[in-house]
Amino acid sequence: MISVIIPAYNSEKTIRGCLQALQSQSIKDIEVIVVDDGSSDDTASIVKSFKNVKFFKRQHKGPASERNFGAKMAKGEILLFTDSDCEPDKNWVSEMVAPFKSDKSVVGVSGTYRTRQKELIARFAQYEIEERHEKMAKAGSIDFIGTFSAGYRKEIFDKFGGFDESFSTSAGEDPELSFRIAEAGYKMVFAPKAFVYHTHPNTLRKYLKQKYRNAFWRVAVYAKRKKTFRKGHSYTPTSALIEAICVAGFLISLFLYLIYPTAGYKAITRGFLLFTFLPSALLTYHIAEKDIAVGMASPFIIILRAFVTAFGITRGFLKRYVV
């Protein structure tokens, strides 16, 4: 059997679409488990209206805890995870389990995103993810799996103790688990045809807030998984790290220039700002080929992304090692 586990927190606007999509899967022999993370809205009654969906109501502990609980309740040998704001394609389950069937050494599988959104920021977020997933699709194995579309053999999931529940929100517990498994030498792969429709942030404010939160929590992830941090991983491109470093250099040189307004510091400040754009120039080009409006906006979104990422990393570092 295959078990699909969904944590839900105040998901009344999206959970119905998620469950309807799972009921329409090409594979019918699946167990669907929804774990309510202490919702205060109408999530519970919506889930209970679906037949053959196992529902558990729990106190609010965060998605890592609820996914682990769902895994304990699951009967399947393969555990699939998705989020309450995702709508899996009708072949999602079959595409997710295919690598497990064809290769017994595979212990983890990642799917991908699609979106039906039309907003410019949401389109940019989708193109950004597509670039990263195209890179992962070419790799023989991966080390990064997000829970929007994740699959694990239950025996391996149990062996590694599931998700780290010290992550109280959805911003680090999923890559931390996949990093942990990859560091132990197990094989995980990317399934490009296993996709879910997802709702990305549709305003610049929401997008930057998400990037800031992710950067903040990545400090905790890399503190736990130092080996992965040192060698890099299959999801985040080197350009993103270079952007953050350039922003840090820009802010330091700007501070020095304000104190000592010399031509040298002014040139260095301009140089760091320029080099913040360069690492993602190829991304901008590829986006413009697909969508000229988003391509034109990309440099401005990317520079803001770099700044909030740098601030998130700084705050995460200070909280963990200083404050």
C-alpha atoms as a PDB file:
ATOM      1  CA  MET A   1       0.000   0.000   0.000  1.00  0.00           C
ATOM      2  CA  ILE A   2       0.944   3.642  -0.525  1.00  0.00           C
ATOM      3  CA  SER A   3       0.208   6.218   2.165  1.00  0.00           C
ATOM      4  CA  VAL A   4      -0.239   9.921   1.378  1.00  0.00           C
ATOM      5  CA  ILE A   5       0.231  12.200   4.404  1.00  0.00           C
ATOM      6  CA  ILE A   6      -0.936  15.815   4.540  1.00  0.00           C
ATOM      7  CA  PRO A   7      -0.467  18.167   7.507  1.00  0.00           C
ATOM      8  CA  ALA A   8      -3.111  20.896   7.574  1.00  0.00           C
ATOM      9  CA  TYR A   9      -3.275  24.146   9.519  1.00  0.00           C
ATOM     10  CA  ASN A  10      -6.180  26.535   8.902  1.00  0.00           C
ATOM     11  CA  SER A  11      -6.436  25.145   5.386  1.00  0.00           C
ATOM     12  CA  GLU A  12     -10.139  25.587   4.685  1.00  0.00           C
ATOM     13  CA  LYS A  13      -9.437  27.493   1.457  1.00  0.00           C
ATOM     14  CA  THR A  14      -7.243  24.815  -0.116  1.00  0.00           C
ATOM     15  CA  ILE A  15      -7.713  21.396   1.502  1.00  0.00           C
ATOM     16  CA  ARG A  16     -10.798  20.510  -0.547  1.00  0.00           C
ATOM     17  CA  GLY A  17      -8.926  20.902  -3.829  1.00  0.00           C
ATOM     18  CA  CYS A  18      -6.047  18.816  -2.482  1.00  0.00           C
ATOM     19  CA  LEU A  19      -8.283  15.928  -1.431  1.00  0.00           C
ATOM     20  CA  GLN A  20     -10.349  16.041  -4.624  1.00  0.00           C
ATOM     21  CA  ALA A  21      -7.134  15.714  -6.616  1.00  0.00           C
ATOM     22  CA  LEU A  22      -6.065  12.715  -4.542  1.00  0.00           C
ATOM     23  CA  GLN A  23      -9.422  11.030  -5.077  1.00  0.00           C
ATOM     24  CA  SER A  24      -8.876  11.328  -8.831  1.00  0.00           C
ATOM     25  CA  GLN A  25      -5.503   9.533  -8.878  1.00  0.00           C
ATOM     26  CA  SER A  26      -4.856   6.919 -11.545  1.00  0.00           C
ATOM     27  CA  ILE A  27      -3.742   4.574  -8.750  1.00  0.00           C
ATOM     28  CA  LYS A  28      -6.639   3.863  -6.388  1.00  0.00           C
ATOM     29  CA  ASP A  29      -4.957   1.669  -3.786  1.00  0.00           C
ATOM     30  CA  ILE A  30      -3.769   4.553  -1.638  1.00  0.00           C
ATOM     31  CA  GLU A  31      -4.312   5.560   1.953  1.00  0.00           C
ATOM     32  CA  VAL A  32      -4.870   9.290   2.511  1.00  0.00           C
ATOM     33  CA  ILE A  33      -4.086  10.659   5.974  1.00  0.00           C
ATOM     34  CA  VAL A  34      -4.770  14.258   7.032  1.00  0.00           C
ATOM     35  CA  VAL A  35      -3.319  15.463  10.328  1.00  0.00           C
ATOM     36  CA  ASP A  36      -4.907  18.704  11.523  1.00  0.00           C
ATOM     37  CA  ASP A  37      -2.302  20.846  13.288  1.00  0.00           C
ATOM     38  CA  GLY A  38      -4.734  22.530  15.690  1.00  0.00           C
ATOM     39  CA  SER A  39      -6.724  24.467  13.084  1.00  0.00           C
ATOM     40  CA  SER A  40      -9.273  27.026  14.276  1.00  0.00           C
ATOM     41  CA  ASP A  41     -11.144  27.297  10.969  1.00  0.00           C
ATOM     42  CA  ASP A  42     -13.374  24.874   9.034  1.00  0.00           C
ATOM     43  CA  THR A  43     -10.568  22.511   7.982  1.00  0.00           C
ATOM     44  CA  ALA A  44     -11.810  19.579  10.078  1.00  0.00           C
ATOM     45  CA  SER A  45     -15.388  19.565   8.774  1.00  0.00           C
ATOM     46  CA  ILE A  46     -14.198  19.796   5.161  1.00  0.00           C
ATOM     47  CA  VAL A  47     -11.839  16.844   5.570  1.00  0.00           C
ATOM     48  CA  LYS A  48     -14.504  14.777   7.340  1.00  0.00           C
ATOM     49  CA  SER A  49     -16.811  15.225   4.351  1.00  0.00           C
ATOM     50  CA  PHE A  50     -14.449  13.059   2.278  1.00  0.00           C
ATOM     51  CA  LYS A  51     -14.906   9.310   2.501  1.00  0.00           C
ATOM     52  CA  ASN A  52     -11.897   7.038   2.950  1.00  0.00           C
ATOM     53  CA  VAL A  53      -9.720   9.840   4.328  1.00  0.00           C
ATOM     54  CA  LYS A  54      -8.184   9.159   7.723  1.00  0.00           C
ATOM     55  CA  PHE A  55      -8.375  12.281   9.859  1.00  0.00           C
ATOM     56  CA  PHE A  56      -6.520  13.088  13.075  1.00  0.00           C
ATOM     57  CA  LYS A  57      -6.970  16.264  15.097  1.00  0.00           C
ATOM     58  CA  ARG A  58      -3.952  17.307  17.156  1.00  0.00           C
ATOM     59  CA  GLN A  59      -2.626  20.258  19.122  1.00  0.00           C
ATOM     60  CA  HIS A  60      -0.612  22.812  17.180  1.00  0.00           C
ATOM     61  CA  LYS A  61       2.970  21.507  17.034  1.00  0.00           C
ATOM     62  CA  GLY A  62       4.057  22.352  13.506  1.00  0.00           C
ATOM     63  CA  PRO A  63       4.172  20.391  10.248  1.00  0.00           C
ATOM     64  CA  ALA A  64       7.233  18.281  11.122  1.00  0.00           C
ATOM     65  CA  SER A  65       5.480  16.820  14.170  1.00  0.00           C
ATOM     66  CA  GLU A  66       2.226  16.225  12.282  1.00  0.00           C
ATOM     67  CA  ARG A  67       3.960  14.514   9.364  1.00  0.00           C
ATOM     68  CA  ASN A  68       5.784  12.235  11.798  1.00  0.00           C
ATOM     69  CA  PHE A  69       2.502  11.397  13.502  1.00  0.00           C
ATOM     70  CA  GLY A  70       0.896  10.650  10.142  1.00  0.00           C
ATOM     71  CA  ALA A  71       3.817   8.359   9.275  1.00  0.00           C
ATOM     72  CA  LYS A  72       3.280   6.423  12.511  1.00  0.00           C
ATOM     73  CA  MET A  73      -0.386   5.938  11.618  1.00  0.00           C
ATOM     74  CA  ALA A  74       0.406   4.934   8.021  1.00  0.00           C
ATOM     75  CA  LYS A  75       0.148   1.350   6.779  1.00  0.00           C
ATOM     76  CA  GLY A  76       1.950   1.870   3.484  1.00  0.00           C
ATOM     77  CA  GLU A  77       5.472   0.735   2.667  1.00  0.00           C
ATOM     78  CA  ILE A  78       5.877   3.937   0.664  1.00  0.00           C
ATOM     79  CA  LEU A  79       5.136   7.274   2.350  1.00  0.00           C
ATOM     80  CA  LEU A  80       4.200  10.195   0.119  1.00  0.00           C
ATOM     81  CA  PHE A  81       3.925  13.729   1.475  1.00  0.00           C
ATOM     82  CA  THR A  82       2.248  16.775   0.017  1.00  0.00           C
ATOM     83  CA  ASP A  83       0.917  20.028   1.444  1.00  0.00           C
ATOM     84  CA  SER A  84      -2.643  21.144   2.007  1.00  0.00           C
ATOM     85  CA  ASP A  85      -2.268  23.949  -0.563  1.00  0.00           C
ATOM     86  CA  CYS A  86      -1.145  21.571  -3.315  1.00  0.00           C
ATOM     87  CA  GLU A  87      -3.279  19.782  -5.913  1.00  0.00           C
ATOM     88  CA  PRO A  88      -1.503  16.671  -7.223  1.00  0.00           C
ATOM     89  CA  ASP A  89      -1.809  15.777 -10.885  1.00  0.00           C
ATOM     90  CA  LYS A  90      -3.876  12.615 -11.543  1.00  0.00           C
ATOM     91  CA  ASN A  91      -0.680  10.648 -12.227  1.00  0.00           C
ATOM     92  CA  TRP A  92       1.240  12.098  -9.275  1.00  0.00           C
ATOM     93  CA  VAL A  93       1.125   8.950  -7.141  1.00  0.00           C
ATOM     94  CA  SER A  94       2.055   6.643 -10.007  1.00  0.00           C
ATOM     95  CA  GLU A  95       4.967   8.875 -11.069  1.00  0.00           C
ATOM     96  CA  MET A  96       6.205   9.204  -7.479  1.00  0.00           C
ATOM     97  CA  VAL A  97       6.243   5.451  -6.814  1.00  0.00           C
ATOM     98  CA  ALA A  98       7.712   4.467 -10.211  1.00  0.00           C
ATOM     99  CA  PRO A  99      11.379   5.075  -9.184  1.00  0.00           C
ATOM    100  CA  PHE A 100      10.893   2.937  -6.066  1.00  0.00           C
ATOM    101  CA  LYS A 101       9.609   0.063  -8.200  1.00  0.00           C
ATOM    102  CA  SER A 102      12.263   0.309 -10.909  1.00  0.00           C
ATOM    103  CA  ASP A 103      15.267   0.670  -8.595  1.00  0.00           C
ATOM    104  CA  LYS A 104      15.350  -1.020  -5.180  1.00  0.00           C
ATOM    105  CA  SER A 105      18.274   1.179  -4.114  1.00  0.00           C
ATOM    106  CA  VAL A 106      16.128   4.333  -4.320  1.00  0.00           C
ATOM    107  CA  VAL A 107      14.906   5.382  -0.870  1.00  0.00           C
ATOM    108  CA  GLY A 108      13.593   8.884  -1.599  1.00  0.00           C
ATOM    109  CA  VAL A 109      11.868  10.674  -4.477  1.00  0.00           C
ATOM    110  CA  SER A 110      11.164  14.343  -5.175  1.00  0.00           C
ATOM    111  CA  GLY A 111       8.459  15.642  -7.482  1.00  0.00           C
ATOM    112  CA  THR A 112       8.039  19.127  -8.880  1.00  0.00           C
ATOM    113  CA  TYR A 113       5.744  22.172  -8.962  1.00  0.00           C
ATOM    114  CA  ARG A 114       3.420  23.700 -11.485  1.00  0.00           C
ATOM    115  CA  THR A 115       1.087  26.642 -11.016  1.00  0.00           C
ATOM    116  CA  ARG A 116      -2.073  28.013 -12.577  1.00  0.00           C
ATOM    117  CA  GLN A 117      -1.446  31.519 -11.253  1.00  0.00           C
ATOM    118  CA  LYS A 118      -1.225  34.553 -13.518  1.00  0.00           C
ATOM    119  CA  GLU A 119       0.319  37.160 -11.188  1.00  0.00           C
ATOM    120  CA  LEU A 120       3.805  38.342 -12.194  1.00  0.00           C
ATOM    121  CA  ILE A 121       5.434  37.481  -8.851  1.00  0.00           C
ATOM    122  CA  ALA A 122       3.890  34.003  -8.817  1.00  0.00           C
ATOM    123  CA  ARG A 123       5.132  33.432 -12.364  1.00  0.00           C
ATOM    124  CA  PHE A 124       8.645  34.514 -11.345  1.00  0.00           C
ATOM    125  CA  ALA A 125       8.562  32.099  -8.379  1.00  0.00           C
ATOM    126  CA  GLN A 126       7.565  29.277 -10.717  1.00  0.00           C
ATOM    127  CA  TYR A 127      10.332  30.035 -13.225  1.00  0.00           C
ATOM    128  CA  GLU A 128      12.844  30.242 -10.387  1.00  0.00           C
ATOM    129  CA  ILE A 129      11.843  26.775  -9.178  1.00  0.00           C
ATOM    130  CA  GLU A 130      11.792  25.354 -12.702  1.00  0.00           C
ATOM    131  CA  GLU A 131      15.418  26.389 -13.214  1.00  0.00           C
ATOM    132  CA  ARG A 132      16.470  24.551 -10.075  1.00  0.00           C
ATOM    133  CA  HIS A 133      14.385  21.477 -10.836  1.00  0.00           C
ATOM    134  CA  GLU A 134      15.722  21.262 -14.390  1.00  0.00           C
ATOM    135  CA  LYS A 135      19.180  20.975 -12.855  1.00  0.00           C
ATOM    136  CA  MET A 136      18.001  18.278 -10.439  1.00  0.00           C
ATOM    137  CA  ALA A 137      16.313  16.314 -13.246  1.00  0.00           C
ATOM    138  CA  LYS A 138      19.688  15.925 -14.973  1.00  0.00           C
ATOM    139  CA  ALA A 139      21.372  14.509 -11.864  1.00  0.00           C
ATOM    140  CA  GLY A 140      21.682  10.777 -11.268  1.00  0.00           C
ATOM    141  CA  SER A 141      20.871  11.331  -7.614  1.00  0.00           C
ATOM    142  CA  ILE A 142      19.772  14.255  -5.453  1.00  0.00           C
ATOM    143  CA  ASP A 143      20.012  15.282  -1.814  1.00  0.00           C
ATOM    144  CA  PHE A 144      17.139  17.788  -1.535  1.00  0.00           C
ATOM    145  CA  ILE A 145      13.479  16.794  -1.208  1.00  0.00           C
ATOM    146  CA  GLY A 146      10.679  19.241  -0.354  1.00  0.00           C
ATOM    147  CA  THR A 147       7.511  18.006   1.291  1.00  0.00           C
ATOM    148  CA  PHE A 148       5.213  19.568  -1.304  1.00  0.00           C
ATOM    149  CA  SER A 149       6.001  16.374  -3.276  1.00  0.00           C
ATOM    150  CA  ALA A 150       8.113  13.933  -1.303  1.00  0.00           C
ATOM    151  CA  GLY A 151       8.348  10.167  -1.118  1.00  0.00           C
ATOM    152  CA  TYR A 152      10.284   7.853   1.209  1.00  0.00           C
ATOM    153  CA  ARG A 153      10.440   4.162   1.882  1.00  0.00           C
ATOM    154  CA  LYS A 154       8.841   3.830   5.318  1.00  0.00           C
ATOM    155  CA  GLU A 155      11.661   1.670   6.672  1.00  0.00           C
ATOM    156  CA  ILE A 156      14.197   4.392   5.815  1.00  0.00           C
ATOM    157  CA  PHE A 157      11.937   7.175   7.130  1.00  0.00           C
ATOM    158  CA  ASP A 158      11.604   5.307  10.433  1.00  0.00           C
ATOM    159  CA  LYS A 159      15.317   4.473  10.558  1.00  0.00           C
ATOM    160  CA  PHE A 160      16.226   8.160  10.420  1.00  0.00           C
ATOM    161  CA  GLY A 161      13.526   9.202  12.877  1.00  0.00           C
ATOM    162  CA  GLY A 162      11.475  11.253  10.436  1.00  0.00           C
ATOM    163  CA  PHE A 163      11.467  15.029  10.382  1.00  0.00           C
ATOM    164  CA  ASP A 164      13.323  17.061  12.998  1.00  0.00           C
ATOM    165  CA  GLU A 165      10.557  18.492  15.198  1.00  0.00           C
ATOM    166  CA  SER A 166      12.773  21.309  16.482  1.00  0.00           C
ATOM    167  CA  PHE A 167      11.737  23.094  13.274  1.00  0.00           C
ATOM    168  CA  SER A 168       8.494  24.650  14.458  1.00  0.00           C
ATOM    169  CA  THR A 169       7.409  25.909  11.054  1.00  0.00           C
ATOM    170  CA  SER A 170       7.626  24.787   7.429  1.00  0.00           C
ATOM    171  CA  ALA A 171      11.047  26.194   6.586  1.00  0.00           C
ATOM    172  CA  GLY A 172      13.796  23.643   6.963  1.00  0.00           C
ATOM    173  CA  GLU A 173      12.587  20.321   8.294  1.00  0.00           C
ATOM    174  CA  ASP A 174      12.258  18.739   4.844  1.00  0.00           C
ATOM    175  CA  PRO A 175      15.719  19.513   3.395  1.00  0.00           C
ATOM    176  CA  GLU A 176      17.278  18.624   6.751  1.00  0.00           C
ATOM    177  CA  LEU A 177      15.867  15.094   6.556  1.00  0.00           C
ATOM    178  CA  SER A 178      16.919  14.576   2.949  1.00  0.00           C
ATOM    179  CA  PHE A 179      20.399  15.962   3.691  1.00  0.00           C
ATOM    180  CA  ARG A 180      20.677  13.544   6.612  1.00  0.00           C
ATOM    181  CA  ILE A 181      19.726  10.566   4.451  1.00  0.00           C
ATOM    182  CA  ALA A 182      22.019  11.600   1.592  1.00  0.00           C
ATOM    183  CA  GLU A 183      24.967  12.071   3.946  1.00  0.00           C
ATOM    184  CA  ALA A 184      24.508   8.438   5.015  1.00  0.00           C
ATOM    185  CA  GLY A 185      25.012   7.358   1.408  1.00  0.00           C
ATOM    186  CA  TYR A 186      21.455   6.502   0.365  1.00  0.00           C
ATOM    187  CA  LYS A 187      20.131   7.188  -3.134  1.00  0.00           C
ATOM    188  CA  MET A 188      17.330   9.670  -3.848  1.00  0.00           C
ATOM    189  CA  VAL A 189      16.091  10.758  -7.259  1.00  0.00           C
ATOM    190  CA  PHE A 190      14.024  13.409  -8.999  1.00  0.00           C
ATOM    191  CA  ALA A 191      10.787  12.503 -10.797  1.00  0.00           C
ATOM    192  CA  PRO A 192      10.084  15.310 -13.311  1.00  0.00           C
ATOM    193  CA  LYS A 193       6.650  13.990 -14.293  1.00  0.00           C
ATOM    194  CA  ALA A 194       5.392  13.850 -10.703  1.00  0.00           C
ATOM    195  CA  PHE A 195       3.950  17.315 -10.258  1.00  0.00           C
ATOM    196  CA  VAL A 196       1.520  19.147  -8.018  1.00  0.00           C
ATOM    197  CA  TYR A 197      -0.165  22.458  -8.684  1.00  0.00           C
ATOM    198  CA  HIS A 198       0.880  24.920  -6.018  1.00  0.00           C
ATOM    199  CA  THR A 199      -0.046  28.436  -4.954  1.00  0.00           C
ATOM    200  CA  HIS A 200       3.092  30.590  -4.866  1.00  0.00           C
ATOM    201  CA  PRO A 201       3.313  33.997  -3.155  1.00  0.00           C
ATOM    202  CA  ASN A 202       1.498  36.392  -5.493  1.00  0.00           C
ATOM    203  CA  THR A 203       2.798  39.719  -4.186  1.00  0.00           C
ATOM    204  CA  LEU A 204       6.336  41.009  -3.806  1.00  0.00           C
ATOM    205  CA  ARG A 205       5.848  41.408  -0.061  1.00  0.00           C
ATOM    206  CA  LYS A 206       4.729  37.782   0.395  1.00  0.00           C
ATOM    207  CA  TYR A 207       7.526  36.508  -1.832  1.00  0.00           C
ATOM    208  CA  LEU A 208      10.256  38.405   0.034  1.00  0.00           C
ATOM    209  CA  LYS A 209       8.799  37.407   3.387  1.00  0.00           C
ATOM    210  CA  GLN A 210       9.021  33.756   2.345  1.00  0.00           C
ATOM    211  CA  LYS A 211      12.620  34.172   1.183  1.00  0.00           C
ATOM    212  CA  TYR A 212      13.560  35.880   4.443  1.00  0.00           C
ATOM    213  CA  ARG A 213      11.998  33.084   6.514  1.00  0.00           C
ATOM    214  CA  ASN A 214      13.680  30.374   4.458  1.00  0.00           C
ATOM    215  CA  ALA A 215      17.072  32.058   4.803  1.00  0.00           C
ATOM    216  CA  PHE A 216      16.606  32.452   8.566  1.00  0.00           C
ATOM    217  CA  TRP A 217      15.858  28.743   9.037  1.00  0.00           C
ATOM    218  CA  ARG A 218      18.586  27.585   6.649  1.00  0.00           C
ATOM    219  CA  VAL A 219      21.143  28.623   9.270  1.00  0.00           C
ATOM    220  CA  ALA A 220      19.690  26.001  11.615  1.00  0.00           C
ATOM    221  CA  VAL A 221      19.624  23.420   8.815  1.00  0.00           C
ATOM    222  CA  TYR A 222      23.259  23.942   7.879  1.00  0.00           C
ATOM    223  CA  ALA A 223      24.327  24.033  11.522  1.00  0.00           C
ATOM    224  CA  LYS A 224      22.942  20.506  11.826  1.00  0.00           C
ATOM    225  CA  ARG A 225      24.156  19.347   8.426  1.00  0.00           C
ATOM    226  CA  LYS A 226      27.660  20.819   8.173  1.00  0.00           C
ATOM    227  CA  LYS A 227      28.820  18.207   5.663  1.00  0.00           C
ATOM    228  CA  THR A 228      26.113  19.236   3.192  1.00  0.00           C
ATOM    229  CA  PHE A 229      26.868  22.917   3.767  1.00  0.00           C
ATOM    230  CA  ARG A 230      30.540  22.420   2.955  1.00  0.00           C
ATOM    231  CA  LYS A 231      29.998  20.494  -0.276  1.00  0.00           C
ATOM    232  CA  GLY A 232      26.822  22.218  -1.485  1.00  0.00           C
ATOM    233  CA  HIS A 233      23.634  20.482  -2.548  1.00  0.00           C
ATOM    234  CA  SER A 234      21.482  19.763  -5.563  1.00  0.00           C
ATOM    235  CA  TYR A 235      18.835  22.462  -5.122  1.00  0.00           C
ATOM    236  CA  THR A 236      20.302  25.862  -4.273  1.00  0.00           C
ATOM    237  CA  PRO A 237      22.536  27.193  -7.085  1.00  0.00           C
ATOM    238  CA  THR A 238      25.957  28.672  -6.347  1.00  0.00           C
ATOM    239  CA  SER A 239      24.680  31.971  -7.755  1.00  0.00           C
ATOM    240  CA  ALA A 240      22.330  32.391  -4.788  1.00  0.00           C
ATOM    241  CA  LEU A 241      25.237  32.130  -2.334  1.00  0.00           C
ATOM    242  CA  ILE A 242      27.316  34.562  -4.397  1.00  0.00           C
ATOM    243  CA  GLU A 243      24.402  37.027  -4.370  1.00  0.00           C
ATOM    244  CA  ALA A 244      24.194  36.913  -0.563  1.00  0.00           C
ATOM    245  CA  ILE A 245      27.966  37.365  -0.226  1.00  0.00           C
ATOM    246  CA  CYS A 246      27.906  40.335  -2.614  1.00  0.00           C
ATOM    247  CA  VAL A 247      25.081  41.941  -0.640  1.00  0.00           C
ATOM    248  CA  ALA A 248      27.066  41.511   2.571  1.00  0.00           C
ATOM    249  CA  GLY A 249      30.085  43.076   0.879  1.00  0.00           C
ATOM    250  CA  PHE A 250      27.940  45.929  -0.440  1.00  0.00           C
ATOM    251  CA  LEU A 251      26.522  46.715   3.014  1.00  0.00           C
ATOM    252  CA  ILE A 252      29.932  46.605   4.689  1.00  0.00           C
ATOM    253  CA  SER A 253      31.568  48.785   2.035  1.00  0.00           C
ATOM    254  CA  LEU A 254      28.614  51.194   2.103  1.00  0.00           C
ATOM    255  CA  PHE A 255      28.985  51.514   5.876  1.00  0.00           C
ATOM    256  CA  LEU A 256      32.706  52.216   5.505  1.00  0.00           C
ATOM    257  CA  TYR A 257      32.033  54.719   2.718  1.00  0.00           C
ATOM    258  CA  LEU A 258      29.566  56.629   4.913  1.00  0.00           C
ATOM    259  CA  ILE A 259      32.239  56.870   7.604  1.00  0.00           C
ATOM    260  CA  TYR A 260      35.184  57.409   5.259  1.00  0.00           C
ATOM    261  CA  PRO A 261      33.750  58.848   1.992  1.00  0.00           C
ATOM    262  CA  THR A 262      36.689  58.063  -0.241  1.00  0.00           C
ATOM    263  CA  ALA A 263      36.644  57.227  -3.954  1.00  0.00           C
ATOM    264  CA  GLY A 264      38.022  53.760  -3.186  1.00  0.00           C
ATOM    265  CA  TYR A 265      35.137  52.757  -0.911  1.00  0.00           C
ATOM    266  CA  LYS A 266      32.657  54.272  -3.372  1.00  0.00           C
ATOM    267  CA  ALA A 267      34.036  52.132  -6.202  1.00  0.00           C
ATOM    268  CA  ILE A 268      34.012  49.004  -4.046  1.00  0.00           C
ATOM    269  CA  THR A 269      30.405  49.660  -3.033  1.00  0.00           C
ATOM    270  CA  ARG A 270      29.339  50.034  -6.664  1.00  0.00           C
ATOM    271  CA  GLY A 271      31.283  46.925  -7.596  1.00  0.00           C
ATOM    272  CA  PHE A 272      29.555  44.744  -5.020  1.00  0.00           C
ATOM    273  CA  LEU A 273      26.152  46.050  -6.120  1.00  0.00           C
ATOM    274  CA  LEU A 274      26.942  45.253  -9.751  1.00  0.00           C
ATOM    275  CA  PHE A 275      28.165  41.753  -8.961  1.00  0.00           C
ATOM    276  CA  THR A 276      24.955  41.047  -7.061  1.00  0.00           C
ATOM    277  CA  PHE A 277      23.141  41.111 -10.415  1.00  0.00           C
ATOM    278  CA  LEU A 278      25.635  39.071 -12.422  1.00  0.00           C
ATOM    279  CA  PRO A 279      25.241  35.557 -10.889  1.00  0.00           C
ATOM    280  CA  SER A 280      21.551  35.386 -11.869  1.00  0.00           C
ATOM    281  CA  ALA A 281      21.901  37.021 -15.280  1.00  0.00           C
ATOM    282  CA  LEU A 282      21.426  33.624 -16.933  1.00  0.00           C
ATOM    283  CA  LEU A 283      18.209  33.076 -14.952  1.00  0.00           C
ATOM    284  CA  THR A 284      16.921  36.451 -16.141  1.00  0.00           C
ATOM    285  CA  TYR A 285      17.764  35.533 -19.733  1.00  0.00           C
ATOM    286  CA  HIS A 286      15.974  32.171 -19.529  1.00  0.00           C
ATOM    287  CA  ILE A 287      12.904  33.747 -17.947  1.00  0.00           C
ATOM    288  CA  ALA A 288      12.785  36.464 -20.600  1.00  0.00           C
ATOM    289  CA  GLU A 289      12.783  33.774 -23.295  1.00  0.00           C
ATOM    290  CA  LYS A 290       9.606  32.327 -21.776  1.00  0.00           C
ATOM    291  CA  ASP A 291       7.927  35.468 -20.424  1.00  0.00           C
ATOM    292  CA  ILE A 292       9.235  38.909 -21.398  1.00  0.00           C
ATOM    293  CA  ALA A 293       7.290  40.807 -18.725  1.00  0.00           C
ATOM    294  CA  VAL A 294       8.658  38.649 -15.911  1.00  0.00           C
ATOM    295  CA  GLY A 295      12.099  38.721 -17.499  1.00  0.00           C
ATOM    296  CA  MET A 296      12.149  42.529 -17.425  1.00  0.00           C
ATOM    297  CA  ALA A 297      11.128  42.556 -13.758  1.00  0.00           C
ATOM    298  CA  SER A 298      13.545  39.779 -12.771  1.00  0.00           C
ATOM    299  CA  PRO A 299      16.671  41.892 -12.056  1.00  0.00           C
ATOM    300  CA  PHE A 300      14.764  44.010  -9.537  1.00  0.00           C
ATOM    301  CA  ILE A 301      13.164  40.980  -7.871  1.00  0.00           C
ATOM    302  CA  ILE A 302      16.529  39.210  -7.743  1.00  0.00           C
ATOM    303  CA  ILE A 303      18.332  42.129  -6.078  1.00  0.00           C
ATOM    304  CA  LEU A 304      15.600  42.400  -3.448  1.00  0.00           C
ATOM    305  CA  ARG A 305      15.722  38.630  -2.982  1.00  0.00           C
ATOM    306  CA  ALA A 306      19.463  38.840  -2.400  1.00  0.00           C
ATOM    307  CA  PHE A 307      19.047  41.533   0.259  1.00  0.00           C
ATOM    308  CA  VAL A 308      16.319  39.769   2.243  1.00  0.00           C
ATOM    309  CA  THR A 309      18.246  36.488   2.008  1.00  0.00           C
ATOM    310  CA  ALA A 310      21.335  38.169   3.417  1.00  0.00           C
ATOM    311  CA  PHE A 311      19.289  39.731   6.231  1.00  0.00           C
ATOM    312  CA  GLY A 312      17.609  36.391   6.989  1.00  0.00           C
ATOM    313  CA  ILE A 313      20.938  34.581   7.171  1.00  0.00           C
ATOM    314  CA  THR A 314      22.375  37.338   9.389  1.00  0.00           C
ATOM    315  CA  ARG A 315      19.454  37.199  11.811  1.00  0.00           C
ATOM    316  CA  GLY A 316      19.537  33.399  11.865  1.00  0.00           C
ATOM    317  CA  PHE A 317      23.264  33.424  12.609  1.00  0.00           C
ATOM    318  CA  LEU A 318      22.931  36.041  15.360  1.00  0.00           C
ATOM    319  CA  LYS A 319      20.056  34.192  17.019  1.00  0.00           C
ATOM    320  CA  ARG A 320      21.862  30.870  16.953  1.00  0.00           C
ATOM    321  CA  TYR A 321      25.404  31.929  17.851  1.00  0.00           C
ATOM    322  CA  VAL A 322      25.224  35.373  19.491  1.00  0.00           C
ATOM    323  CA  VAL A 323      21.895  36.218  21.121  1.00  0.00           C
END
